[in-house]
C-alpha atoms as a PDB file:
ATOM      1  CA  MET A   1     -34.343  14.561 111.594  1.00  0.00           C
ATOM      2  CA  ASN A   2     -36.896  16.313 113.919  1.00  0.00           C
ATOM      3  CA  MET A   3     -37.565  19.901 112.900  1.00  0.00           C
ATOM      4  CA  LYS A   4     -39.157  22.332 115.355  1.00  0.00           C
ATOM      5  CA  ARG A   5     -42.456  23.661 114.122  1.00  0.00           C
ATOM      6  CA  GLY A   6     -44.232  26.835 115.109  1.00  0.00           C
ATOM      7  CA  PRO A   7     -47.186  26.942 117.389  1.00  0.00           C
ATOM      8  CA  ALA A   8     -50.217  24.870 116.583  1.00  0.00           C
ATOM      9  CA  THR A   9     -52.860  27.084 114.948  1.00  0.00           C
ATOM     10  CA  HIS A  10     -56.482  27.200 113.945  1.00  0.00           C
ATOM     11  CA  HIS A  11     -57.646  29.642 111.268  1.00  0.00           C
ATOM     12  CA  ILE A  12     -60.937  31.387 110.493  1.00  0.00           C
ATOM     13  CA  VAL A  13     -61.009  31.737 106.690  1.00  0.00           C
ATOM     14  CA  PRO A  14     -63.628  32.879 104.193  1.00  0.00           C
ATOM     15  CA  ASN A  15     -65.177  29.965 102.253  1.00  0.00           C
ATOM     16  CA  PRO A  16     -65.204  30.646  98.512  1.00  0.00           C
ATOM     17  CA  LYS A  17     -68.824  29.407  98.301  1.00  0.00           C
ATOM     18  CA  GLY A  18     -69.959  31.699 101.141  1.00  0.00           C
ATOM     19  CA  GLY A  19     -69.758  31.687 104.949  1.00  0.00           C
ATOM     20  CA  TRP A  20     -66.674  31.027 107.054  1.00  0.00           C
ATOM     21  CA  ASP A  21     -64.614  27.995 107.862  1.00  0.00           C
ATOM     22  CA  LEU A  22     -62.671  26.951 110.944  1.00  0.00           C
ATOM     23  CA  LYS A  23     -59.515  25.022 109.873  1.00  0.00           C
ATOM     24  CA  ARG A  24     -56.613  23.533 111.659  1.00  0.00           C
ATOM     25  CA  GLY A  25     -53.295  25.124 110.500  1.00  0.00           C
ATOM     26  CA  GLY A  26     -52.001  23.047 107.547  1.00  0.00           C
ATOM     27  CA  GLY A  27     -55.281  21.214 107.150  1.00  0.00           C
ATOM     28  CA  GLU A  28     -57.209  20.968 103.876  1.00  0.00           C
ATOM     29  CA  ARG A  29     -60.700  20.227 105.194  1.00  0.00           C
ATOM     30  CA  ALA A  30     -62.701  22.586 107.414  1.00  0.00           C
ATOM     31  CA  THR A  31     -63.221  21.581 111.009  1.00  0.00           C
ATOM     32  CA  SER A  32     -66.560  23.450 110.897  1.00  0.00           C
ATOM     33  CA  HIS A  33     -68.444  25.799 108.616  1.00  0.00           C
ATOM     34  CA  HIS A  34     -70.465  28.813 109.757  1.00  0.00           C
ATOM     35  CA  GLU A  35     -72.806  31.276 108.105  1.00  0.00           C
ATOM     36  CA  THR A  36     -71.265  34.349 109.803  1.00  0.00           C
ATOM     37  CA  LYS A  37     -67.749  35.307 110.738  1.00  0.00           C
ATOM     38  CA  ARG A  38     -68.918  35.952 114.349  1.00  0.00           C
ATOM     39  CA  GLU A  39     -70.192  32.379 114.672  1.00  0.00           C
ATOM     40  CA  ALA A  40     -66.909  31.037 113.198  1.00  0.00           C
ATOM     41  CA  VAL A  41     -64.821  33.139 115.621  1.00  0.00           C
ATOM     42  CA  ASP A  42     -66.882  31.994 118.637  1.00  0.00           C
ATOM     43  CA  ALA A  43     -66.506  28.300 117.660  1.00  0.00           C
ATOM     44  CA  GLY A  44     -62.797  28.829 116.837  1.00  0.00           C
ATOM     45  CA  ARG A  45     -62.132  30.333 120.266  1.00  0.00           C
ATOM     46  CA  LYS A  46     -63.735  27.347 121.953  1.00  0.00           C
ATOM     47  CA  VAL A  47     -61.750  24.839 119.967  1.00  0.00           C
ATOM     48  CA  SER A  48     -58.517  26.892 120.268  1.00  0.00           C
ATOM     49  CA  ARG A  49     -58.824  27.108 124.066  1.00  0.00           C
ATOM     50  CA  ALA A  50     -59.619  23.460 124.403  1.00  0.00           C
ATOM     51  CA  GLN A  51     -56.658  22.517 122.239  1.00  0.00           C
ATOM     52  CA  GLY A  52     -54.234  25.213 123.399  1.00  0.00           C
ATOM     53  CA  THR A  53     -53.668  26.632 119.928  1.00  0.00           C
ATOM     54  CA  GLU A  54     -53.196  30.060 118.397  1.00  0.00           C
ATOM     55  CA  LEU A  55     -56.332  31.290 116.582  1.00  0.00           C
ATOM     56  CA  ARG A  56     -55.773  33.362 113.487  1.00  0.00           C
ATOM     57  CA  ILE A  57     -58.735  35.329 112.067  1.00  0.00           C
ATOM     58  CA  GLN A  58     -58.670  36.369 108.435  1.00  0.00           C
ATOM     59  CA  ASN A  59     -60.509  38.980 106.547  1.00  0.00           C
ATOM     60  CA  LYS A  60     -62.293  38.226 103.236  1.00  0.00           C
ATOM     61  CA  ASP A  61     -59.080  39.249 101.416  1.00  0.00           C
ATOM     62  CA  GLY A  62     -57.045  36.617 103.243  1.00  0.00           C
ATOM     63  CA  ARG A  63     -55.100  39.027 105.457  1.00  0.00           C
ATOM     64  CA  ILE A  64     -54.804  38.203 109.134  1.00  0.00           C
ATOM     65  CA  ALA A  65     -57.244  40.562 110.913  1.00  0.00           C
ATOM     66  CA  GLY A  66     -56.333  39.354 114.403  1.00  0.00           C
ATOM     67  CA  SER A  67     -55.196  36.403 116.495  1.00  0.00           C
ATOM     68  CA  ASP A  68     -55.881  34.989 119.983  1.00  0.00           C
ATOM     69  CA  SER A  69     -53.259  32.972 121.734  1.00  0.00           C
ATOM     70  CA  HIS A  70     -54.537  30.002 123.746  1.00  0.00           C
ATOM     71  CA  GLY A  71     -51.332  28.026 123.754  1.00  0.00           C
ATOM     72  CA  GLY A  72     -48.230  27.989 125.988  1.00  0.00           C
ATOM     73  CA  ASP A  73     -46.727  31.329 125.373  1.00  0.00           C
ATOM     74  CA  PRO A  74     -43.017  31.144 126.222  1.00  0.00           C
ATOM     75  CA  TYR A  75     -43.086  34.596 127.764  1.00  0.00           C
ATOM     76  CA  PRO A  76     -46.491  35.496 128.981  1.00  0.00           C
ATOM     77  CA  PRO A  77     -47.007  39.192 129.830  1.00  0.00           C
ATOM     78  CA  LYS A  78     -47.151  40.185 133.453  1.00  0.00           C
ATOM     79  CA  GLY A  79     -50.143  41.956 134.853  1.00  0.00           C
END
């Protein structure tokens, strides 16, 4: 049985040992590790654009602080 999944994602998450990680949604290991959140977001945007994924950016408390869509939105806004 083939179940439809949501959009492919990458996540910027705080690393418990310090710094920030870029992870593929559902992945255990970090794609890359960065000292600052800004560096992680910049790297995440490049990877997300290249792979056409949604980028979700978390705060230190784990809440989603923002997201960037680089995938195939079904209904892109006009304008």
